[in-house]
Amino acid sequence: MSIPPAEHVADAFDLGRPTGPMRAHRYGSSETWRLETVSGAFLVKRLWTGEDPSWRPALEAAMVFEGACTAAGVSMPTPVWPVDAAFGCAARLPEDGVVRVYPWLEHRTVEVTDDLAEWLGTTLARLHRTAPISGSTPEPEWYGIFPAARWGAWLREGIVQGRPWAAVLKERLPDVLRASRWVAEAFGVTGHYVRTHRDVLPANVLITAHGPVLVDFDTAGPDSAPLETATATLVFALRGGAEPDRDQVGRTLAAYEREGGQPLPPREDLLARRLGMKLGTLSERLDKTLGHAPAGSWDLGKADLRAAQQLEEIPVLLHTLRRWSSLFTSSSMSQGVRLSRLRGVATDDHRGAHPWAHD
């Protein structure tokens, strides 16, 4: 896939004359580059090439939500608007697809020693009050929930192709279906649905001279506020350890409530979203290794092996997430009482490092 000419991007967004070609920055789900012009440095992100995908309306809605979050006080970059928008803040280049642009932020990535508890709780609360959803329950599209027939189809094709994960999926299929039911039921009963970021992870936080900044709103959409809060709090509290940092959990939830977030319900399935995210990533690996989706930046050999490992880990992960849910006390308790309870939560013999809990 070709790199868009720097001149085309600069003209589309009125950025001034480029001082050199664009340089590759990061290739996760999308390609990004650094562009330098006489007016400054910019991050360029290609959304897609060719015809508009079926998920363009969801991206347009995500852009609207992104703008609303700026007004709500979320610490985030402000996009550059194109001269002639294809939609939202995106421009269509002559032969190089659809792109969007942000001013470049000088930054570093999140490190284990960064204390982000206060920032995280405040940010989640601001996200969740921006666009509440009333009425019918939205679809759990971010939760990796698939019917048994879909998993059966993956299994059959995996056997035909001789994928390394096929034998493991055959053995673990009952566990996968049980996990899927747990995730679906949690989403259906926990409630408090909102439009939100949906990918609040350390990888989407930049540490700048002015503090942490949340990036990559392109997958924003409907979700359950309590389940997103619990998942994000867990992921940040797990950095560098096999068990969540109870102090960070408590301070994150306290900041969330101080900023107006609703106390989390005391449910055993409060961390089901974390398992749903893993099922979603697993399904993506299966599709890519089977050739149903472009590989992009993925190493398919590693994806095959990682899918097998994830399938093996499902029972332990389900048990671990049930246990960790006890950390998320909810009530109008003061921060001090909450922290004392968190420090008193007992652990059991399953506290060993769990690789799927971190990636």
Protein backbone atom coordinates (compact mmCIF):
# COMPACT_ATOMS: atom_id res chain seq x y z
CA MET A 1 0.00 0.00 0.00
CA SER A 2 1.50 3.33 -1.08
CA ILE A 3 2.27 6.22 1.24
CA PRO A 4 0.12 9.28 0.45
CA PRO A 5 2.21 12.11 -1.01
CA ALA A 6 2.92 14.76 1.62
CA GLU A 7 1.80 17.48 -0.80
CA HIS A 8 -1.64 15.90 -1.21
CA VAL A 9 -2.23 15.74 2.53
CA ALA A 10 -0.91 19.25 3.10
CA ASP A 11 -3.16 20.67 0.37
CA ALA A 12 -6.23 18.79 1.60
CA PHE A 13 -5.84 20.20 5.12
CA ASP A 14 -4.19 23.56 4.27
CA LEU A 15 -1.09 22.71 6.31
CA GLY A 16 1.45 24.68 4.34
CA ARG A 17 4.35 23.46 2.22
CA PRO A 18 5.82 20.08 3.34
CA THR A 19 9.49 20.14 4.32
CA GLY A 20 9.96 16.47 3.42
CA PRO A 21 8.10 13.20 2.80
CA MET A 22 5.84 11.69 5.45
CA ARG A 23 7.55 9.29 7.87
CA ALA A 24 5.90 6.13 9.16
CA HIS A 25 4.85 6.43 12.80
CA ARG A 26 2.77 3.46 13.88
CA TYR A 27 0.78 0.73 12.17
CA GLY A 28 -1.78 -0.80 14.51
CA SER A 29 -5.29 -1.09 13.15
CA SER A 30 -4.52 1.88 10.83
CA GLU A 31 -1.43 3.36 9.20
CA THR A 32 -0.16 6.63 10.64
CA TRP A 33 2.63 9.00 9.62
CA ARG A 34 4.36 12.14 10.84
CA LEU A 35 4.14 15.05 8.42
CA GLU A 36 6.27 18.17 8.81
CA THR A 37 5.45 21.40 6.98
CA VAL A 38 6.45 25.04 7.24
CA SER A 39 3.57 25.51 9.71
CA GLY A 40 4.43 22.64 12.09
CA ALA A 41 4.27 18.87 12.58
CA PHE A 42 1.16 16.71 12.18
CA LEU A 43 -0.08 13.15 12.66
CA VAL A 44 -1.75 11.71 9.55
CA LYS A 45 -4.00 8.67 9.86
CA ARG A 46 -5.35 6.71 6.90
CA LEU A 47 -8.83 5.38 7.66
CA TRP A 48 -9.22 3.23 4.54
CA THR A 49 -8.55 2.97 0.82
CA GLY A 50 -11.01 2.22 -1.97
CA GLU A 51 -14.77 2.28 -1.50
CA ASP A 52 -16.36 3.42 1.75
CA PRO A 53 -16.74 0.49 4.17
CA SER A 54 -20.00 -0.48 5.80
CA TRP A 55 -18.81 0.98 9.11
CA ARG A 56 -18.44 4.55 7.80
CA PRO A 57 -21.70 5.69 9.54
CA ALA A 58 -20.32 4.42 12.86
CA LEU A 59 -17.13 6.40 12.27
CA GLU A 60 -19.12 9.54 11.45
CA ALA A 61 -21.03 9.13 14.72
CA ALA A 62 -17.73 8.61 16.54
CA MET A 63 -16.45 11.90 15.14
CA VAL A 64 -19.52 13.73 16.42
CA PHE A 65 -18.97 12.20 19.86
CA GLU A 66 -15.29 13.14 19.72
CA GLY A 67 -16.23 16.79 19.23
CA ALA A 68 -18.64 16.65 22.15
CA CYS A 69 -15.94 15.21 24.42
CA THR A 70 -13.72 18.19 23.76
CA ALA A 71 -16.47 20.45 25.07
CA ALA A 72 -16.91 18.12 28.09
CA GLY A 73 -13.33 18.71 29.21
CA VAL A 74 -11.77 15.40 28.17
CA SER A 75 -8.00 15.77 27.70
CA MET A 76 -7.61 14.90 24.01
CA PRO A 77 -6.16 16.23 20.76
CA THR A 78 -8.26 18.46 18.49
CA PRO A 79 -8.45 17.31 14.85
CA VAL A 80 -7.47 19.51 11.92
CA TRP A 81 -10.44 20.12 9.62
CA PRO A 82 -9.92 19.64 5.88
CA VAL A 83 -10.55 22.24 3.22
CA ASP A 84 -13.16 19.98 1.57
CA ALA A 85 -14.44 17.30 3.96
CA ALA A 86 -15.53 13.91 2.64
CA PHE A 87 -17.40 13.61 5.95
CA GLY A 88 -16.72 14.82 9.46
CA CYS A 89 -13.07 15.85 9.72
CA ALA A 90 -11.84 13.39 7.06
CA ALA A 91 -10.64 14.15 3.52
CA ARG A 92 -10.53 11.88 0.48
CA LEU A 93 -7.20 12.02 -1.36
CA PRO A 94 -7.08 11.56 -5.14
CA GLU A 95 -5.62 8.03 -5.13
CA ASP A 96 -4.67 7.31 -1.53
CA GLY A 97 -7.89 6.78 0.39
CA VAL A 98 -9.48 8.68 3.27
CA VAL A 99 -7.31 10.36 5.91
CA ARG A 100 -7.62 12.55 8.96
CA VAL A 101 -5.03 14.80 10.61
CA TYR A 102 -4.11 16.00 14.11
CA PRO A 103 -1.45 18.44 15.28
CA TRP A 104 1.58 16.43 16.38
CA LEU A 105 1.85 16.12 20.16
CA GLU A 106 5.32 15.71 21.63
CA HIS A 107 4.86 12.78 23.98
CA ARG A 108 6.04 9.53 25.42
CA THR A 109 4.08 6.33 25.99
CA VAL A 110 2.65 5.27 29.34
CA GLU A 111 5.13 3.64 31.71
CA VAL A 112 4.53 1.31 34.63
CA THR A 113 5.53 4.01 37.11
CA ASP A 114 2.96 6.56 35.84
CA ASP A 115 0.21 7.18 38.40
CA LEU A 116 -2.87 7.75 36.26
CA ALA A 117 -5.60 6.83 38.76
CA GLU A 118 -7.02 10.34 39.26
CA TRP A 119 -6.81 11.18 35.56
CA LEU A 120 -8.43 7.88 34.54
CA GLY A 121 -11.40 8.17 36.90
CA THR A 122 -12.02 11.78 35.93
CA THR A 123 -11.73 11.04 32.22
CA LEU A 124 -14.13 8.08 32.34
CA ALA A 125 -16.73 10.15 34.20
CA ARG A 126 -16.50 12.96 31.63
CA LEU A 127 -16.83 10.48 28.78
CA HIS A 128 -19.87 8.86 30.34
CA ARG A 129 -21.84 12.04 30.97
CA THR A 130 -21.33 13.34 27.42
CA ALA A 131 -23.83 11.20 25.49
CA PRO A 132 -26.17 9.02 27.61
CA ILE A 133 -28.36 6.54 25.75
CA SER A 134 -32.01 6.18 26.75
CA GLY A 135 -34.61 3.71 25.55
CA SER A 136 -33.75 0.30 24.14
CA THR A 137 -30.58 -1.60 24.97
CA PRO A 138 -27.89 -1.12 22.27
CA GLU A 139 -26.22 -4.03 20.56
CA PRO A 140 -23.10 -5.34 22.37
CA GLU A 141 -21.05 -4.88 19.22
CA TRP A 142 -17.76 -4.37 21.11
CA TYR A 143 -18.01 -7.59 23.12
CA GLY A 144 -16.93 -10.45 20.84
CA ILE A 145 -20.23 -12.30 21.26
CA PHE A 146 -20.96 -14.78 18.46
CA PRO A 147 -23.51 -17.60 18.13
CA ALA A 148 -22.44 -21.22 18.43
CA ALA A 149 -22.84 -21.64 14.67
CA ARG A 150 -20.18 -19.01 13.99
CA TRP A 151 -17.66 -20.68 16.29
CA GLY A 152 -18.54 -24.01 14.67
CA ALA A 153 -17.83 -22.57 11.22
CA TRP A 154 -14.46 -21.25 12.39
CA LEU A 155 -13.65 -24.68 13.82
CA ARG A 156 -14.56 -26.56 10.63
CA GLU A 157 -12.55 -24.25 8.40
CA GLY A 158 -9.65 -24.25 10.84
CA ILE A 159 -9.49 -28.05 10.68
CA VAL A 160 -9.60 -28.00 6.87
CA GLN A 161 -6.77 -25.46 6.71
CA GLY A 162 -4.77 -27.17 9.45
CA ARG A 163 -4.57 -24.06 11.62
CA PRO A 164 -2.57 -24.59 14.87
CA TRP A 165 -5.52 -23.35 16.96
CA ALA A 166 -8.15 -25.70 15.50
CA ALA A 167 -7.56 -28.64 17.88
CA VAL A 168 -7.60 -26.28 20.87
CA LEU A 169 -10.87 -24.66 19.74
CA LYS A 170 -12.42 -28.12 19.40
CA GLU A 171 -11.48 -28.90 23.01
CA ARG A 172 -12.37 -25.47 24.40
CA LEU A 173 -15.58 -24.82 22.44
CA PRO A 174 -17.85 -25.45 25.49
CA ASP A 175 -15.73 -22.98 27.50
CA VAL A 176 -15.95 -20.40 24.71
CA LEU A 177 -19.75 -20.68 24.55
CA ARG A 178 -20.04 -20.50 28.34
CA ALA A 179 -17.83 -17.40 28.39
CA SER A 180 -19.91 -15.82 25.61
CA ARG A 181 -23.13 -16.33 27.57
CA TRP A 182 -21.55 -14.76 30.65
CA VAL A 183 -20.48 -11.71 28.67
CA ALA A 184 -23.83 -11.29 26.90
CA GLU A 185 -25.82 -11.56 30.13
CA ALA A 186 -23.58 -9.02 31.86
CA PHE A 187 -24.07 -6.47 29.11
CA GLY A 188 -27.82 -7.02 29.09
CA VAL A 189 -28.41 -6.53 32.81
CA THR A 190 -25.74 -4.04 33.96
CA GLY A 191 -27.26 -1.11 32.07
CA HIS A 192 -26.36 2.60 32.17
CA TYR A 193 -25.67 2.69 28.44
CA VAL A 194 -23.74 5.60 26.97
CA ARG A 195 -21.82 6.52 23.86
CA THR A 196 -18.17 6.37 24.89
CA HIS A 197 -14.57 5.87 23.76
CA ARG A 198 -14.64 2.04 24.17
CA ASP A 199 -10.85 1.62 23.97
CA VAL A 200 -9.48 3.35 27.08
CA LEU A 201 -6.19 1.48 27.35
CA PRO A 202 -2.61 2.54 28.14
CA ALA A 203 -1.78 2.20 24.42
CA ASN A 204 -4.24 5.01 23.69
CA VAL A 205 -2.83 7.44 26.25
CA LEU A 206 0.02 9.83 25.49
CA ILE A 207 2.01 11.48 28.26
CA THR A 208 2.68 15.09 27.26
CA ALA A 209 4.20 18.11 29.01
CA HIS A 210 0.66 19.12 29.94
CA GLY A 211 -0.40 15.72 31.27
CA PRO A 212 -2.05 12.54 29.92
CA VAL A 213 -4.02 12.78 26.67
CA LEU A 214 -6.58 10.22 25.42
CA VAL A 215 -6.33 9.49 21.69
CA ASP A 216 -7.99 7.36 18.98
CA PHE A 217 -11.74 7.98 19.21
CA ASP A 218 -12.45 6.26 15.87
CA THR A 219 -14.08 3.22 17.49
CA ALA A 220 -16.29 5.22 19.88
CA GLY A 221 -19.83 3.93 20.21
CA PRO A 222 -22.48 2.51 22.56
CA ASP A 223 -21.38 0.66 25.68
CA SER A 224 -22.20 0.08 29.34
CA ALA A 225 -20.59 2.76 31.51
CA PRO A 226 -20.07 0.48 34.56
CA LEU A 227 -18.52 -2.28 32.46
CA GLU A 228 -16.18 0.10 30.63
CA THR A 229 -15.19 1.73 33.92
CA ALA A 230 -14.40 -1.61 35.52
CA THR A 231 -12.42 -2.85 32.52
CA ALA A 232 -10.35 0.32 32.09
CA THR A 233 -9.67 0.54 35.83
CA LEU A 234 -8.51 -3.08 35.87
CA VAL A 235 -6.21 -2.74 32.86
CA PHE A 236 -4.45 0.33 34.22
CA ALA A 237 -4.17 -1.22 37.70
CA LEU A 238 -2.58 -4.38 36.24
CA ARG A 239 0.41 -2.63 34.68
CA GLY A 240 3.54 -4.33 35.90
CA GLY A 241 1.88 -6.92 38.13
CA ALA A 242 0.06 -10.22 38.19
CA GLU A 243 -2.64 -8.79 40.47
CA PRO A 244 -4.38 -5.40 40.20
CA ASP A 245 -2.99 -2.61 42.36
CA ARG A 246 -5.80 -2.19 44.90
CA ASP A 247 -4.78 1.34 45.78
CA GLN A 248 -5.03 2.40 42.13
CA VAL A 249 -8.41 0.72 41.77
CA GLY A 250 -9.75 2.54 44.82
CA ARG A 251 -8.41 5.96 43.82
CA THR A 252 -9.68 5.58 40.24
CA LEU A 253 -13.21 4.74 41.42
CA ALA A 254 -13.12 7.57 43.96
CA ALA A 255 -12.14 10.06 41.23
CA TYR A 256 -14.85 8.66 38.96
CA GLU A 257 -17.53 9.26 41.59
CA ARG A 258 -16.21 12.70 42.51
CA GLU A 259 -16.52 13.72 38.86
CA GLY A 260 -20.14 12.57 38.79
CA GLY A 261 -19.82 8.94 37.70
CA GLN A 262 -22.34 6.51 39.16
CA PRO A 263 -21.04 4.03 41.76
CA LEU A 264 -20.41 0.62 40.23
CA PRO A 265 -22.90 -2.14 41.11
CA PRO A 266 -21.44 -4.99 43.21
CA ARG A 267 -21.69 -7.70 40.55
CA GLU A 268 -19.64 -10.85 39.99
CA ASP A 269 -19.75 -10.18 36.23
CA LEU A 270 -18.54 -6.58 36.42
CA LEU A 271 -15.38 -7.51 34.48
CA ALA A 272 -17.16 -9.52 31.79
CA ARG A 273 -16.37 -6.79 29.26
CA ARG A 274 -12.67 -7.61 29.61
CA LEU A 275 -13.39 -11.18 28.56
CA GLY A 276 -15.62 -9.90 25.75
CA MET A 277 -12.79 -7.75 24.43
CA LYS A 278 -10.52 -10.80 24.44
CA LEU A 279 -13.11 -12.87 22.58
CA GLY A 280 -13.33 -10.08 20.02
CA THR A 281 -9.55 -10.06 19.54
CA LEU A 282 -9.57 -13.85 19.29
CA SER A 283 -12.24 -13.77 16.58
CA GLU A 284 -10.16 -11.21 14.67
CA ARG A 285 -7.17 -13.53 14.83
CA LEU A 286 -9.25 -16.44 13.54
CA ASP A 287 -10.58 -14.39 10.62
CA LYS A 288 -7.15 -13.11 9.64
CA THR A 289 -5.45 -16.50 9.82
CA LEU A 290 -8.25 -18.09 7.79
CA GLY A 291 -7.94 -15.39 5.13
CA HIS A 292 -11.33 -13.79 5.80
CA ALA A 293 -9.75 -10.40 6.56
CA PRO A 294 -6.57 -8.62 5.41
CA ALA A 295 -3.53 -9.32 7.59
CA GLY A 296 -2.53 -5.65 7.75
CA SER A 297 0.41 -5.30 10.14
CA TRP A 298 -0.20 -8.70 11.76
CA ASP A 299 2.28 -11.58 11.69
CA LEU A 300 -0.06 -14.45 10.82
CA GLY A 301 2.26 -17.12 12.22
CA LYS A 302 2.26 -15.40 15.59
CA ALA A 303 -1.50 -14.82 15.32
CA ASP A 304 -2.06 -18.57 14.85
CA LEU A 305 -0.06 -19.40 17.97
CA ARG A 306 -1.60 -16.59 20.04
CA ALA A 307 -5.11 -17.74 19.14
CA ALA A 308 -4.31 -21.22 20.41
CA GLN A 309 -2.89 -19.78 23.62
CA GLN A 310 -5.94 -17.56 24.17
CA LEU A 311 -8.27 -20.51 23.75
CA GLU A 312 -6.30 -22.50 26.32
CA GLU A 313 -6.51 -19.64 28.83
CA ILE A 314 -10.27 -18.98 28.70
CA PRO A 315 -11.27 -21.05 31.78
CA VAL A 316 -8.58 -19.51 33.99
CA LEU A 317 -9.35 -16.02 32.71
CA LEU A 318 -13.05 -16.44 33.46
CA HIS A 319 -12.27 -17.58 37.01
CA THR A 320 -9.77 -14.75 37.53
CA LEU A 321 -12.16 -12.04 36.31
CA ARG A 322 -14.90 -13.31 38.64
CA ARG A 323 -12.47 -13.08 41.53
CA TRP A 324 -11.17 -9.64 40.63
CA SER A 325 -14.73 -8.28 40.46
CA SER A 326 -14.70 -8.23 44.27
CA LEU A 327 -12.23 -5.34 44.09
CA PHE A 328 -14.85 -3.02 42.63
CA THR A 329 -16.81 -2.03 45.71
CA SER A 330 -19.70 0.33 45.00
CA SER A 331 -21.59 2.61 47.33
CA SER A 332 -21.34 6.13 48.63
CA MET A 333 -18.44 5.11 50.89
CA SER A 334 -15.74 7.68 51.48
CA GLN A 335 -12.44 7.13 49.71
CA GLY A 336 -10.72 6.15 52.91
CA VAL A 337 -13.21 3.40 53.74
CA ARG A 338 -13.05 2.13 50.18
CA LEU A 339 -9.27 1.93 50.24
CA SER A 340 -9.25 0.11 53.56
CA ARG A 341 -11.63 -2.47 52.15
CA LEU A 342 -9.62 -2.87 48.98
CA ARG A 343 -6.45 -3.48 50.95
CA GLY A 344 -8.26 -6.11 52.96
CA VAL A 345 -9.50 -8.18 49.99
CA ALA A 346 -8.00 -11.65 50.24
CA THR A 347 -6.30 -13.41 47.38
CA ASP A 348 -6.30 -17.12 46.65
CA ASP A 349 -4.12 -19.72 45.02
CA HIS A 350 -4.91 -18.45 41.51
CA ARG A 351 -2.91 -15.23 41.82
CA GLY A 352 -0.13 -16.26 39.44
CA ALA A 353 0.69 -14.17 36.37
CA HIS A 354 -1.95 -14.52 33.67
CA PRO A 355 -0.66 -13.52 30.22
CA TRP A 356 -4.10 -12.92 28.69
CA ALA A 357 -4.96 -10.46 31.46
CA HIS A 358 -2.29 -8.07 30.18
CA ASP A 359 -2.41 -8.03 26.37
